Amino acid sequence: MKTNGAMTGRGTLKGSPGDKYHRTWAQYFIRFLDEYARHNLTFWAVTAGNEPTAGEIVFYPFQCLGFSPEHQRDFIARDLGPALANSSHRHVQLIILDDQRVMLPYWGRTPGLHPCCRCLLFLH
């Protein structure tokens, strides 16, 4: 599902928000939450993507999936947000920019990141 076909290195989710890859990725989040809920473990929030800028680094040595602020915004708006809203996990908050502080000015200027997203910023 990643553009480079590998778990590591530079790459984003194939396609664009609203397509089968993005819907499948959103459903993976729901399945993750469902499976934990089966064991009475619940979450107050999940990150929409761990360190999303790591997926922009060509030889990044760990698992990563790149998201630009606009890509993550659109993924949340078209796929992950609706998937959560239509699940038993509608109370779960979304954390965006689970990344380095240096990225805050860039992500903070992204048009469309508004309060109705119910998103939180989380910085390392």
PDB file of N, CA and C in Angstrom:
ATOM      1  N   MET A   1       0.807  -1.200   0.000  1.00  0.00           N
ATOM      2  CA  MET A   1       0.000   0.000   0.000  1.00  0.00           C
ATOM      3  C   MET A   1       0.849   1.262   0.000  1.00  0.00           C
ATOM      4  N   LYS A   2       2.166   1.105   0.142  1.00  0.00           N
ATOM      5  CA  LYS A   2       3.063   2.252   0.181  1.00  0.00           C
ATOM      6  C   LYS A   2       3.705   2.442  -1.192  1.00  0.00           C
ATOM      7  N   THR A   3       3.898   3.680  -1.582  1.00  0.00           N
ATOM      8  CA  THR A   3       4.368   3.978  -2.938  1.00  0.00           C
ATOM      9  C   THR A   3       5.711   3.353  -3.280  1.00  0.00           C
ATOM     10  N   ASN A   4       6.584   3.142  -2.300  1.00  0.00           N
ATOM     11  CA  ASN A   4       7.881   2.541  -2.618  1.00  0.00           C
ATOM     12  C   ASN A   4       7.872   1.020  -2.458  1.00  0.00           C
ATOM     13  N   GLY A   5       6.759   0.443  -2.024  1.00  0.00           N
ATOM     14  CA  GLY A   5       6.655  -1.003  -1.883  1.00  0.00           C
ATOM     15  C   GLY A   5       7.434  -1.585  -0.720  1.00  0.00           C
ATOM     16  N   ALA A   6       7.949  -0.748   0.168  1.00  0.00           N
ATOM     17  CA  ALA A   6       8.746  -1.208   1.306  1.00  0.00           C
ATOM     18  C   ALA A   6       8.226  -0.593   2.598  1.00  0.00           C
ATOM     19  N   MET A   7       8.556  -1.232   3.718  1.00  0.00           N
ATOM     20  CA  MET A   7       8.135  -0.681   5.007  1.00  0.00           C
ATOM     21  C   MET A   7       9.007   0.492   5.430  1.00  0.00           C
ATOM     22  N   THR A   8      10.246   0.524   4.954  1.00  0.00           N
ATOM     23  CA  THR A   8      11.173   1.588   5.325  1.00  0.00           C
ATOM     24  C   THR A   8      11.386   2.525   4.147  1.00  0.00           C
ATOM     25  N   GLY A   9      12.064   3.623   4.410  1.00  0.00           N
ATOM     26  CA  GLY A   9      12.415   4.553   3.342  1.00  0.00           C
ATOM     27  C   GLY A   9      11.273   5.451   2.909  1.00  0.00           C
ATOM     28  N   ARG A  10      11.600   6.301   1.960  1.00  0.00           N
ATOM     29  CA  ARG A  10      10.656   7.317   1.502  1.00  0.00           C
ATOM     30  C   ARG A  10       9.449   6.692   0.797  1.00  0.00           C
ATOM     31  N   GLY A  11       8.265   7.107   1.217  1.00  0.00           N
ATOM     32  CA  GLY A  11       7.053   6.637   0.564  1.00  0.00           C
ATOM     33  C   GLY A  11       5.813   7.080   1.313  1.00  0.00           C
ATOM     34  N   THR A  12       4.744   7.222   0.563  1.00  0.00           N
ATOM     35  CA  THR A  12       3.452   7.596   1.134  1.00  0.00           C
ATOM     36  C   THR A  12       2.442   6.507   0.794  1.00  0.00           C
ATOM     37  N   LEU A  13       1.236   6.682   1.279  1.00  0.00           N
ATOM     38  CA  LEU A  13       0.163   5.765   0.938  1.00  0.00           C
ATOM     39  C   LEU A  13      -0.159   5.924  -0.547  1.00  0.00           C
ATOM     40  N   LYS A  14      -0.322   4.825  -1.251  1.00  0.00           N
ATOM     41  CA  LYS A  14      -0.663   4.891  -2.676  1.00  0.00           C
ATOM     42  C   LYS A  14      -1.974   5.633  -2.877  1.00  0.00           C
ATOM     43  N   GLY A  15      -2.143   6.199  -4.045  1.00  0.00           N
ATOM     44  CA  GLY A  15      -3.400   6.840  -4.405  1.00  0.00           C
ATOM     45  C   GLY A  15      -3.601   8.179  -3.730  1.00  0.00           C
ATOM     46  N   SER A  16      -4.858   8.500  -3.484  1.00  0.00           N
ATOM     47  CA  SER A  16      -5.189   9.778  -2.853  1.00  0.00           C
ATOM     48  C   SER A  16      -6.358   9.579  -1.899  1.00  0.00           C
ATOM     49  N   PRO A  17      -6.512  10.482  -0.926  1.00  0.00           N
ATOM     50  CA  PRO A  17      -7.592  10.342   0.047  1.00  0.00           C
ATOM     51  C   PRO A  17      -8.940  10.100  -0.628  1.00  0.00           C
ATOM     52  N   GLY A  18      -9.683   9.167  -0.041  1.00  0.00           N
ATOM     53  CA  GLY A  18     -10.979   8.792  -0.575  1.00  0.00           C
ATOM     54  C   GLY A  18     -10.935   7.537  -1.435  1.00  0.00           C
ATOM     55  N   ASP A  19      -9.732   7.067  -1.781  1.00  0.00           N
ATOM     56  CA  ASP A  19      -9.640   5.878  -2.632  1.00  0.00           C
ATOM     57  C   ASP A  19      -9.553   4.604  -1.795  1.00  0.00           C
ATOM     58  N   LYS A  20      -9.402   3.459  -2.468  1.00  0.00           N
ATOM     59  CA  LYS A  20      -9.422   2.169  -1.772  1.00  0.00           C
ATOM     60  C   LYS A  20      -8.260   2.006  -0.795  1.00  0.00           C
ATOM     61  N   TYR A  21      -7.097   2.565  -1.104  1.00  0.00           N
ATOM     62  CA  TYR A  21      -5.956   2.428  -0.199  1.00  0.00           C
ATOM     63  C   TYR A  21      -6.187   3.213   1.090  1.00  0.00           C
ATOM     64  N   HIS A  22      -6.688   4.399   0.949  1.00  0.00           N
ATOM     65  CA  HIS A  22      -6.927   5.241   2.118  1.00  0.00           C
ATOM     66  C   HIS A  22      -8.081   4.711   2.966  1.00  0.00           C
ATOM     67  N   ARG A  23      -9.125   4.204   2.314  1.00  0.00           N
ATOM     68  CA  ARG A  23     -10.236   3.601   3.065  1.00  0.00           C
ATOM     69  C   ARG A  23      -9.753   2.365   3.819  1.00  0.00           C
ATOM     70  N   THR A  24      -8.920   1.560   3.164  1.00  0.00           N
ATOM     71  CA  THR A  24      -8.387   0.358   3.806  1.00  0.00           C
ATOM     72  C   THR A  24      -7.511   0.724   4.994  1.00  0.00           C
ATOM     73  N   TRP A  25      -6.677   1.741   4.842  1.00  0.00           N
ATOM     74  CA  TRP A  25      -5.814   2.184   5.940  1.00  0.00           C
ATOM     75  C   TRP A  25      -6.667   2.685   7.106  1.00  0.00           C
ATOM     76  N   ALA A  26      -7.726   3.413   6.813  1.00  0.00           N
ATOM     77  CA  ALA A  26      -8.628   3.893   7.866  1.00  0.00           C
ATOM     78  C   ALA A  26      -9.295   2.707   8.569  1.00  0.00           C
ATOM     79  N   GLN A  27      -9.696   1.701   7.806  1.00  0.00           N
ATOM     80  CA  GLN A  27     -10.334   0.529   8.412  1.00  0.00           C
ATOM     81  C   GLN A  27      -9.348  -0.267   9.267  1.00  0.00           C
ATOM     82  N   TYR A  28      -8.064  -0.191   8.941  1.00  0.00           N
ATOM     83  CA  TYR A  28      -7.048  -0.830   9.779  1.00  0.00           C
ATOM     84  C   TYR A  28      -7.058  -0.207  11.174  1.00  0.00           C
ATOM     85  N   PHE A  29      -7.200   1.112  11.247  1.00  0.00           N
ATOM     86  CA  PHE A  29      -7.289   1.788  12.542  1.00  0.00           C
ATOM     87  C   PHE A  29      -8.483   1.261  13.330  1.00  0.00           C
ATOM     88  N   ILE A  30      -9.632   1.130  12.664  1.00  0.00           N
ATOM     89  CA  ILE A  30     -10.841   0.656  13.333  1.00  0.00           C
ATOM     90  C   ILE A  30     -10.638  -0.772  13.820  1.00  0.00           C
ATOM     91  N   ARG A  31     -10.046  -1.605  12.998  1.00  0.00           N
ATOM     92  CA  ARG A  31      -9.779  -2.989  13.398  1.00  0.00           C
ATOM     93  C   ARG A  31      -8.835  -3.035  14.598  1.00  0.00           C
ATOM     94  N   PHE A  32      -7.819  -2.196  14.590  1.00  0.00           N
ATOM     95  CA  PHE A  32      -6.884  -2.093  15.713  1.00  0.00           C
ATOM     96  C   PHE A  32      -7.648  -1.773  16.998  1.00  0.00           C
ATOM     97  N   LEU A  33      -8.496  -0.759  16.949  1.00  0.00           N
ATOM     98  CA  LEU A  33      -9.278  -0.360  18.120  1.00  0.00           C
ATOM     99  C   LEU A  33     -10.268  -1.448  18.519  1.00  0.00           C
ATOM    100  N   ASP A  34     -10.893  -2.093  17.544  1.00  0.00           N
ATOM    101  CA  ASP A  34     -11.835  -3.187  17.828  1.00  0.00           C
ATOM    102  C   ASP A  34     -11.153  -4.320  18.580  1.00  0.00           C
ATOM    103  N   GLU A  35      -9.987  -4.711  18.110  1.00  0.00           N
ATOM    104  CA  GLU A  35      -9.288  -5.845  18.724  1.00  0.00           C
ATOM    105  C   GLU A  35      -8.875  -5.541  20.158  1.00  0.00           C
ATOM    106  N   TYR A  36      -8.413  -4.341  20.412  1.00  0.00           N
ATOM    107  CA  TYR A  36      -8.086  -3.981  21.791  1.00  0.00           C
ATOM    108  C   TYR A  36      -9.342  -3.922  22.643  1.00  0.00           C
ATOM    109  N   ALA A  37     -10.429  -3.407  22.091  1.00  0.00           N
ATOM    110  CA  ALA A  37     -11.693  -3.310  22.835  1.00  0.00           C
ATOM    111  C   ALA A  37     -12.195  -4.695  23.242  1.00  0.00           C
ATOM    112  N   ARG A  38     -11.930  -5.697  22.428  1.00  0.00           N
ATOM    113  CA  ARG A  38     -12.320  -7.077  22.781  1.00  0.00           C
ATOM    114  C   ARG A  38     -11.689  -7.518  24.093  1.00  0.00           C
ATOM    115  N   HIS A  39     -10.593  -6.884  24.462  1.00  0.00           N
ATOM    116  CA  HIS A  39      -9.889  -7.212  25.708  1.00  0.00           C
ATOM    117  C   HIS A  39     -10.061  -6.106  26.751  1.00  0.00           C
ATOM    118  N   ASN A  40     -11.114  -5.322  26.583  1.00  0.00           N
ATOM    119  CA  ASN A  40     -11.448  -4.220  27.501  1.00  0.00           C
ATOM    120  C   ASN A  40     -10.362  -3.159  27.597  1.00  0.00           C
ATOM    121  N   LEU A  41      -9.649  -2.941  26.529  1.00  0.00           N
ATOM    122  CA  LEU A  41      -8.656  -1.872  26.461  1.00  0.00           C
ATOM    123  C   LEU A  41      -9.172  -0.819  25.494  1.00  0.00           C
ATOM    124  N   THR A  42      -9.318   0.391  25.988  1.00  0.00           N
ATOM    125  CA  THR A  42      -9.833   1.470  25.155  1.00  0.00           C
ATOM    126  C   THR A  42      -8.806   2.587  25.058  1.00  0.00           C
ATOM    127  N   PHE A  43      -9.010   3.463  24.111  1.00  0.00           N
ATOM    128  CA  PHE A  43      -8.091   4.558  23.843  1.00  0.00           C
ATOM    129  C   PHE A  43      -8.829   5.877  23.910  1.00  0.00           C
ATOM    130  N   TRP A  44      -8.160   6.917  24.392  1.00  0.00           N
ATOM    131  CA  TRP A  44      -8.744   8.260  24.348  1.00  0.00           C
ATOM    132  C   TRP A  44      -8.340   8.953  23.048  1.00  0.00           C
ATOM    133  N   ALA A  45      -7.218   8.494  22.452  1.00  0.00           N
ATOM    134  CA  ALA A  45      -6.742   9.106  21.208  1.00  0.00           C
ATOM    135  C   ALA A  45      -5.820   8.138  20.478  1.00  0.00           C
ATOM    136  N   VAL A  46      -5.691   8.355  19.185  1.00  0.00           N
ATOM    137  CA  VAL A  46      -4.694   7.664  18.365  1.00  0.00           C
ATOM    138  C   VAL A  46      -4.041   8.707  17.471  1.00  0.00           C
ATOM    139  N   THR A  47      -2.835   8.426  17.061  1.00  0.00           N
ATOM    140  CA  THR A  47      -2.165   9.317  16.126  1.00  0.00           C
ATOM    141  C   THR A  47      -2.567   8.933  14.707  1.00  0.00           C
ATOM    142  N   ALA A  48      -2.763   9.921  13.866  1.00  0.00           N
ATOM    143  CA  ALA A  48      -3.126   9.657  12.472  1.00  0.00           C
ATOM    144  C   ALA A  48      -1.928   9.162  11.671  1.00  0.00           C
ATOM    145  N   GLY A  49      -0.759   9.170  12.271  1.00  0.00           N
ATOM    146  CA  GLY A  49       0.449   8.669  11.620  1.00  0.00           C
ATOM    147  C   GLY A  49       1.667   9.045  12.426  1.00  0.00           C
ATOM    148  N   ASN A  50       2.431   8.053  12.863  1.00  0.00           N
ATOM    149  CA  ASN A  50       3.614   8.317  13.663  1.00  0.00           C
ATOM    150  C   ASN A  50       4.694   8.986  12.818  1.00  0.00           C
ATOM    151  N   GLU A  51       5.174  10.110  13.287  1.00  0.00           N
ATOM    152  CA  GLU A  51       6.251  10.857  12.629  1.00  0.00           C
ATOM    153  C   GLU A  51       6.069  10.877  11.106  1.00  0.00           C
ATOM    154  N   PRO A  52       5.034  11.544  10.640  1.00  0.00           N
ATOM    155  CA  PRO A  52       4.711  11.505   9.211  1.00  0.00           C
ATOM    156  C   PRO A  52       5.786  12.063   8.286  1.00  0.00           C
ATOM    157  N   THR A  53       6.675  12.906   8.795  1.00  0.00           N
ATOM    158  CA  THR A  53       7.723  13.436   7.916  1.00  0.00           C
ATOM    159  C   THR A  53       8.853  12.434   7.710  1.00  0.00           C
ATOM    160  N   ALA A  54       8.931  11.385   8.548  1.00  0.00           N
ATOM    161  CA  ALA A  54       9.964  10.361   8.361  1.00  0.00           C
ATOM    162  C   ALA A  54       9.799   9.673   7.009  1.00  0.00           C
ATOM    163  N   GLY A  55       8.577   9.576   6.529  1.00  0.00           N
ATOM    164  CA  GLY A  55       8.323   8.952   5.237  1.00  0.00           C
ATOM    165  C   GLY A  55       8.765   9.784   4.054  1.00  0.00           C
ATOM    166  N   GLU A  56       9.324  10.956   4.327  1.00  0.00           N
ATOM    167  CA  GLU A  56       9.877  11.808   3.271  1.00  0.00           C
ATOM    168  C   GLU A  56      11.392  11.667   3.182  1.00  0.00           C
ATOM    169  N   ILE A  57      11.976  10.867   4.066  1.00  0.00           N
ATOM    170  CA  ILE A  57      13.428  10.684   4.113  1.00  0.00           C
ATOM    171  C   ILE A  57      13.790   9.438   3.303  1.00  0.00           C
ATOM    172  N   VAL A  58      14.624   9.611   2.293  1.00  0.00           N
ATOM    173  CA  VAL A  58      14.907   8.556   1.320  1.00  0.00           C
ATOM    174  C   VAL A  58      15.369   7.253   1.961  1.00  0.00           C
ATOM    175  N   PHE A  59      16.360   7.286   2.816  1.00  0.00           N
ATOM    176  CA  PHE A  59      16.894   6.049   3.380  1.00  0.00           C
ATOM    177  C   PHE A  59      16.518   5.876   4.848  1.00  0.00           C
ATOM    178  N   TYR A  60      15.338   6.327   5.232  1.00  0.00           N
ATOM    179  CA  TYR A  60      14.913   6.194   6.628  1.00  0.00           C
ATOM    180  C   TYR A  60      14.917   4.709   6.992  1.00  0.00           C
ATOM    181  N   PRO A  61      15.637   4.318   8.074  1.00  0.00           N
ATOM    182  CA  PRO A  61      15.865   2.902   8.344  1.00  0.00           C
ATOM    183  C   PRO A  61      14.747   2.163   9.086  1.00  0.00           C
ATOM    184  N   PHE A  62      13.706   2.844   9.513  1.00  0.00           N
ATOM    185  CA  PHE A  62      12.633   2.202  10.274  1.00  0.00           C
ATOM    186  C   PHE A  62      11.325   2.271   9.493  1.00  0.00           C
ATOM    187  N   GLN A  63      10.318   1.517   9.965  1.00  0.00           N
ATOM    188  CA  GLN A  63       9.005   1.557   9.334  1.00  0.00           C
ATOM    189  C   GLN A  63       8.472   2.981   9.375  1.00  0.00           C
ATOM    190  N   CYS A  64       7.945   3.438   8.260  1.00  0.00           N
ATOM    191  CA  CYS A  64       7.407   4.792   8.201  1.00  0.00           C
ATOM    192  C   CYS A  64       6.408   4.893   7.056  1.00  0.00           C
ATOM    193  N   LEU A  65       5.537   5.871   7.178  1.00  0.00           N
ATOM    194  CA  LEU A  65       4.563   6.164   6.130  1.00  0.00           C
ATOM    195  C   LEU A  65       4.445   7.672   6.064  1.00  0.00           C
ATOM    196  N   GLY A  66       4.883   8.241   4.972  1.00  0.00           N
ATOM    197  CA  GLY A  66       4.928   9.692   4.844  1.00  0.00           C
ATOM    198  C   GLY A  66       3.573  10.325   4.605  1.00  0.00           C
ATOM    199  N   PHE A  67       3.382  11.460   5.249  1.00  0.00           N
ATOM    200  CA  PHE A  67       2.206  12.295   5.030  1.00  0.00           C
ATOM    201  C   PHE A  67       2.650  13.746   5.050  1.00  0.00           C
ATOM    202  N   SER A  68       2.237  14.505   4.070  1.00  0.00           N
ATOM    203  CA  SER A  68       2.379  15.959   4.155  1.00  0.00           C
ATOM    204  C   SER A  68       1.212  16.442   5.006  1.00  0.00           C
ATOM    205  N   PRO A  69       1.259  17.679   5.487  1.00  0.00           N
ATOM    206  CA  PRO A  69       0.117  18.181   6.262  1.00  0.00           C
ATOM    207  C   PRO A  69      -1.188  18.109   5.468  1.00  0.00           C
ATOM    208  N   GLU A  70      -1.122  18.445   4.193  1.00  0.00           N
ATOM    209  CA  GLU A  70      -2.328  18.443   3.360  1.00  0.00           C
ATOM    210  C   GLU A  70      -2.850  17.023   3.139  1.00  0.00           C
ATOM    211  N   HIS A  71      -1.930  16.098   2.920  1.00  0.00           N
ATOM    212  CA  HIS A  71      -2.318  14.701   2.701  1.00  0.00           C
ATOM    213  C   HIS A  71      -2.967  14.133   3.965  1.00  0.00           C
ATOM    214  N   GLN A  72      -2.352  14.385   5.123  1.00  0.00           N
ATOM    215  CA  GLN A  72      -2.924  13.867   6.364  1.00  0.00           C
ATOM    216  C   GLN A  72      -4.272  14.523   6.657  1.00  0.00           C
ATOM    217  N   ARG A  73      -4.378  15.824   6.405  1.00  0.00           N
ATOM    218  CA  ARG A  73      -5.651  16.532   6.588  1.00  0.00           C
ATOM    219  C   ARG A  73      -6.746  15.880   5.747  1.00  0.00           C
ATOM    220  N   ASP A  74      -6.444  15.618   4.487  1.00  0.00           N
ATOM    221  CA  ASP A  74      -7.444  15.050   3.587  1.00  0.00           C
ATOM    222  C   ASP A  74      -7.764  13.598   3.930  1.00  0.00           C
ATOM    223  N   PHE A  75      -6.757  12.842   4.363  1.00  0.00           N
ATOM    224  CA  PHE A  75      -6.988  11.464   4.813  1.00  0.00           C
ATOM    225  C   PHE A  75      -7.933  11.453   6.010  1.00  0.00           C
ATOM    226  N   ILE A  76      -7.723  12.364   6.943  1.00  0.00           N
ATOM    227  CA  ILE A  76      -8.603  12.448   8.110  1.00  0.00           C
ATOM    228  C   ILE A  76     -10.013  12.856   7.685  1.00  0.00           C
ATOM    229  N   ALA A  77     -10.105  13.867   6.837  1.00  0.00           N
ATOM    230  CA  ALA A  77     -11.417  14.381   6.430  1.00  0.00           C
ATOM    231  C   ALA A  77     -12.217  13.368   5.613  1.00  0.00           C
ATOM    232  N   ARG A  78     -11.558  12.634   4.730  1.00  0.00           N
ATOM    233  CA  ARG A  78     -12.285  11.754   3.809  1.00  0.00           C
ATOM    234  C   ARG A  78     -12.354  10.302   4.247  1.00  0.00           C
ATOM    235  N   ASP A  79     -11.395   9.877   5.072  1.00  0.00           N
ATOM    236  CA  ASP A  79     -11.315   8.448   5.380  1.00  0.00           C
ATOM    237  C   ASP A  79     -11.325   8.138   6.872  1.00  0.00           C
ATOM    238  N   LEU A  80     -10.305   8.591   7.576  1.00  0.00           N
ATOM    239  CA  LEU A  80     -10.178   8.213   8.981  1.00  0.00           C
ATOM    240  C   LEU A  80     -11.251   8.845   9.859  1.00  0.00           C
ATOM    241  N   GLY A  81     -11.529  10.124   9.659  1.00  0.00           N
ATOM    242  CA  GLY A  81     -12.570  10.784  10.452  1.00  0.00           C
ATOM    243  C   GLY A  81     -13.926  10.118  10.299  1.00  0.00           C
ATOM    244  N   PRO A  82     -14.407   9.924   9.062  1.00  0.00           N
ATOM    245  CA  PRO A  82     -15.687   9.240   8.878  1.00  0.00           C
ATOM    246  C   PRO A  82     -15.679   7.798   9.400  1.00  0.00           C
ATOM    247  N   ALA A  83     -14.560   7.088   9.236  1.00  0.00           N
ATOM    248  CA  ALA A  83     -14.486   5.711   9.739  1.00  0.00           C
ATOM    249  C   ALA A  83     -14.654   5.691  11.253  1.00  0.00           C
ATOM    250  N   LEU A  84     -13.981   6.603  11.945  1.00  0.00           N
ATOM    251  CA  LEU A  84     -14.141   6.682  13.400  1.00  0.00           C
ATOM    252  C   LEU A  84     -15.566   7.078  13.770  1.00  0.00           C
ATOM    253  N   ALA A  85     -16.100   8.080  13.089  1.00  0.00           N
ATOM    254  CA  ALA A  85     -17.442   8.585  13.401  1.00  0.00           C
ATOM    255  C   ALA A  85     -18.517   7.519  13.217  1.00  0.00           C
ATOM    256  N   ASN A  86     -18.299   6.596  12.297  1.00  0.00           N
ATOM    257  CA  ASN A  86     -19.282   5.548  12.025  1.00  0.00           C
ATOM    258  C   ASN A  86     -18.964   4.240  12.734  1.00  0.00           C
ATOM    259  N   SER A  87     -18.097   4.306  13.721  1.00  0.00           N
ATOM    260  CA  SER A  87     -17.712   3.109  14.468  1.00  0.00           C
ATOM    261  C   SER A  87     -18.090   3.284  15.934  1.00  0.00           C
ATOM    262  N   SER A  88     -17.834   2.259  16.702  1.00  0.00           N
ATOM    263  CA  SER A  88     -18.069   2.357  18.149  1.00  0.00           C
ATOM    264  C   SER A  88     -16.961   3.148  18.840  1.00  0.00           C
ATOM    265  N   HIS A  89     -16.025   3.677  18.064  1.00  0.00           N
ATOM    266  CA  HIS A  89     -14.889   4.429  18.612  1.00  0.00           C
ATOM    267  C   HIS A  89     -14.996   5.919  18.306  1.00  0.00           C
ATOM    268  N   ARG A  90     -16.201   6.410  18.126  1.00  0.00           N
ATOM    269  CA  ARG A  90     -16.391   7.824  17.722  1.00  0.00           C
ATOM    270  C   ARG A  90     -15.849   8.810  18.752  1.00  0.00           C
ATOM    271  N   HIS A  91     -15.651   8.366  19.984  1.00  0.00           N
ATOM    272  CA  HIS A  91     -15.115   9.236  21.039  1.00  0.00           C
ATOM    273  C   HIS A  91     -13.594   9.402  20.945  1.00  0.00           C
ATOM    274  N   VAL A  92     -12.926   8.555  20.180  1.00  0.00           N
ATOM    275  CA  VAL A  92     -11.464   8.577  20.093  1.00  0.00           C
ATOM    276  C   VAL A  92     -11.019   9.837  19.353  1.00  0.00           C
ATOM    277  N   GLN A  93     -10.112  10.568  19.981  1.00  0.00           N
ATOM    278  CA  GLN A  93      -9.556  11.785  19.386  1.00  0.00           C
ATOM    279  C   GLN A  93      -8.423  11.420  18.432  1.00  0.00           C
ATOM    280  N   LEU A  94      -8.132  12.317  17.500  1.00  0.00           N
ATOM    281  CA  LEU A  94      -7.024  12.119  16.567  1.00  0.00           C
ATOM    282  C   LEU A  94      -5.896  13.082  16.893  1.00  0.00           C
ATOM    283  N   ILE A  95      -4.695  12.559  16.860  1.00  0.00           N
ATOM    284  CA  ILE A  95      -3.495  13.367  17.074  1.00  0.00           C
ATOM    285  C   ILE A  95      -2.809  13.520  15.720  1.00  0.00           C
ATOM    286  N   ILE A  96      -2.541  14.756  15.333  1.00  0.00           N
ATOM    287  CA  ILE A  96      -1.795  14.999  14.097  1.00  0.00           C
ATOM    288  C   ILE A  96      -0.409  15.523  14.461  1.00  0.00           C
ATOM    289  N   LEU A  97       0.489  15.472  13.515  1.00  0.00           N
ATOM    290  CA  LEU A  97       1.866  15.925  13.698  1.00  0.00           C
ATOM    291  C   LEU A  97       2.518  15.263  14.901  1.00  0.00           C
ATOM    292  N   ASP A  98       2.419  13.955  14.967  1.00  0.00           N
ATOM    293  CA  ASP A  98       3.150  13.192  15.966  1.00  0.00           C
ATOM    294  C   ASP A  98       4.589  13.145  15.454  1.00  0.00           C
ATOM    295  N   ASP A  99       5.279  14.277  15.617  1.00  0.00           N
ATOM    296  CA  ASP A  99       6.571  14.449  14.958  1.00  0.00           C
ATOM    297  C   ASP A  99       7.429  15.450  15.727  1.00  0.00           C
ATOM    298  N   GLN A 100       8.457  15.950  15.099  1.00  0.00           N
ATOM    299  CA  GLN A 100       9.405  16.865  15.724  1.00  0.00           C
ATOM    300  C   GLN A 100       8.866  18.298  15.774  1.00  0.00           C
ATOM    301  N   ARG A 101       9.238  19.025  16.820  1.00  0.00           N
ATOM    302  CA  ARG A 101       8.770  20.410  17.003  1.00  0.00           C
ATOM    303  C   ARG A 101       9.109  21.323  15.830  1.00  0.00           C
ATOM    304  N   VAL A 102      10.220  21.056  15.197  1.00  0.00           N
ATOM    305  CA  VAL A 102      10.661  21.907  14.099  1.00  0.00           C
ATOM    306  C   VAL A 102       9.618  21.940  12.975  1.00  0.00           C
ATOM    307  N   MET A 103       8.754  20.938  12.908  1.00  0.00           N
ATOM    308  CA  MET A 103       7.741  20.871  11.853  1.00  0.00           C
ATOM    309  C   MET A 103       6.486  21.678  12.178  1.00  0.00           C
ATOM    310  N   LEU A 104       6.336  22.129  13.421  1.00  0.00           N
ATOM    311  CA  LEU A 104       5.109  22.820  13.833  1.00  0.00           C
ATOM    312  C   LEU A 104       4.760  24.031  12.975  1.00  0.00           C
ATOM    313  N   PRO A 105       5.707  24.931  12.672  1.00  0.00           N
ATOM    314  CA  PRO A 105       5.325  26.082  11.846  1.00  0.00           C
ATOM    315  C   PRO A 105       4.777  25.676  10.474  1.00  0.00           C
ATOM    316  N   TYR A 106       5.370  24.672   9.877  1.00  0.00           N
ATOM    317  CA  TYR A 106       4.929  24.207   8.564  1.00  0.00           C
ATOM    318  C   TYR A 106       3.526  23.599   8.642  1.00  0.00           C
ATOM    319  N   TRP A 107       3.300  22.718   9.612  1.00  0.00           N
ATOM    320  CA  TRP A 107       2.001  22.061   9.750  1.00  0.00           C
ATOM    321  C   TRP A 107       0.937  23.030  10.246  1.00  0.00           C
ATOM    322  N   GLY A 108       1.325  23.960  11.094  1.00  0.00           N
ATOM    323  CA  GLY A 108       0.364  24.914  11.652  1.00  0.00           C
ATOM    324  C   GLY A 108      -0.226  25.865  10.631  1.00  0.00           C
ATOM    325  N   ARG A 109       0.441  26.033   9.499  1.00  0.00           N
ATOM    326  CA  ARG A 109      -0.056  26.931   8.447  1.00  0.00           C
ATOM    327  C   ARG A 109      -0.917  26.208   7.415  1.00  0.00           C
ATOM    328  N   THR A 110      -1.186  24.950   7.629  1.00  0.00           N
ATOM    329  CA  THR A 110      -1.937  24.172   6.647  1.00  0.00           C
ATOM    330  C   THR A 110      -3.396  24.599   6.607  1.00  0.00           C
ATOM    331  N   PRO A 111      -3.873  25.052   5.468  1.00  0.00           N
ATOM    332  CA  PRO A 111      -5.290  25.430   5.365  1.00  0.00           C
ATOM    333  C   PRO A 111      -6.187  24.227   5.621  1.00  0.00           C
ATOM    334  N   GLY A 112      -7.279  24.467   6.308  1.00  0.00           N
ATOM    335  CA  GLY A 112      -8.250  23.407   6.534  1.00  0.00           C
ATOM    336  C   GLY A 112      -8.075  22.645   7.820  1.00  0.00           C
ATOM    337  N   LEU A 113      -6.988  22.898   8.553  1.00  0.00           N
ATOM    338  CA  LEU A 113      -6.857  22.274   9.869  1.00  0.00           C
ATOM    339  C   LEU A 113      -7.630  23.144  10.844  1.00  0.00           C
ATOM    340  N   HIS A 114      -8.877  22.849  11.011  1.00  0.00           N
ATOM    341  CA  HIS A 114      -9.756  23.687  11.814  1.00  0.00           C
ATOM    342  C   HIS A 114     -10.379  22.871  12.940  1.00  0.00           C
ATOM    343  N   PRO A 115     -11.041  23.519  13.892  1.00  0.00           N
ATOM    344  CA  PRO A 115     -11.565  22.831  15.076  1.00  0.00           C
ATOM    345  C   PRO A 115     -12.505  21.667  14.792  1.00  0.00           C
ATOM    346  N   CYS A 116     -13.212  21.683  13.680  1.00  0.00           N
ATOM    347  CA  CYS A 116     -14.140  20.581  13.438  1.00  0.00           C
ATOM    348  C   CYS A 116     -13.409  19.269  13.174  1.00  0.00           C
ATOM    349  N   CYS A 117     -12.100  19.316  12.949  1.00  0.00           N
ATOM    350  CA  CYS A 117     -11.324  18.089  12.781  1.00  0.00           C
ATOM    351  C   CYS A 117     -11.192  17.324  14.094  1.00  0.00           C
ATOM    352  N   ARG A 118     -11.384  17.987  15.209  1.00  0.00           N
ATOM    353  CA  ARG A 118     -11.190  17.384  16.527  1.00  0.00           C
ATOM    354  C   ARG A 118      -9.789  16.794  16.657  1.00  0.00           C
ATOM    355  N   CYS A 119      -8.800  17.430  16.073  1.00  0.00           N
ATOM    356  CA  CYS A 119      -7.435  16.918  16.099  1.00  0.00           C
ATOM    357  C   CYS A 119      -6.612  17.636  17.154  1.00  0.00           C
ATOM    358  N   LEU A 120      -5.636  16.931  17.653  1.00  0.00           N
ATOM    359  CA  LEU A 120      -4.691  17.476  18.612  1.00  0.00           C
ATOM    360  C   LEU A 120      -3.309  17.451  17.983  1.00  0.00           C
ATOM    361  N   LEU A 121      -2.473  18.394  18.375  1.00  0.00           N
ATOM    362  CA  LEU A 121      -1.075  18.355  17.956  1.00  0.00           C
ATOM    363  C   LEU A 121      -0.270  17.666  19.040  1.00  0.00           C
ATOM    364  N   PHE A 122       0.655  16.813  18.658  1.00  0.00           N
ATOM    365  CA  PHE A 122       1.528  16.151  19.611  1.00  0.00           C
ATOM    366  C   PHE A 122       2.945  16.279  19.097  1.00  0.00           C
ATOM    367  N   LEU A 123       3.813  16.833  19.908  1.00  0.00           N
ATOM    368  CA  LEU A 123       5.198  17.054  19.488  1.00  0.00           C
ATOM    369  C   LEU A 123       6.150  16.286  20.380  1.00  0.00           C
ATOM    370  N   HIS A 124       7.199  15.774  19.795  1.00  0.00           N
ATOM    371  CA  HIS A 124       8.238  15.073  20.568  1.00  0.00           C
ATOM    372  C   HIS A 124       9.103  16.097  21.258  1.00  0.00           C
TER     373      HIS A 124
END
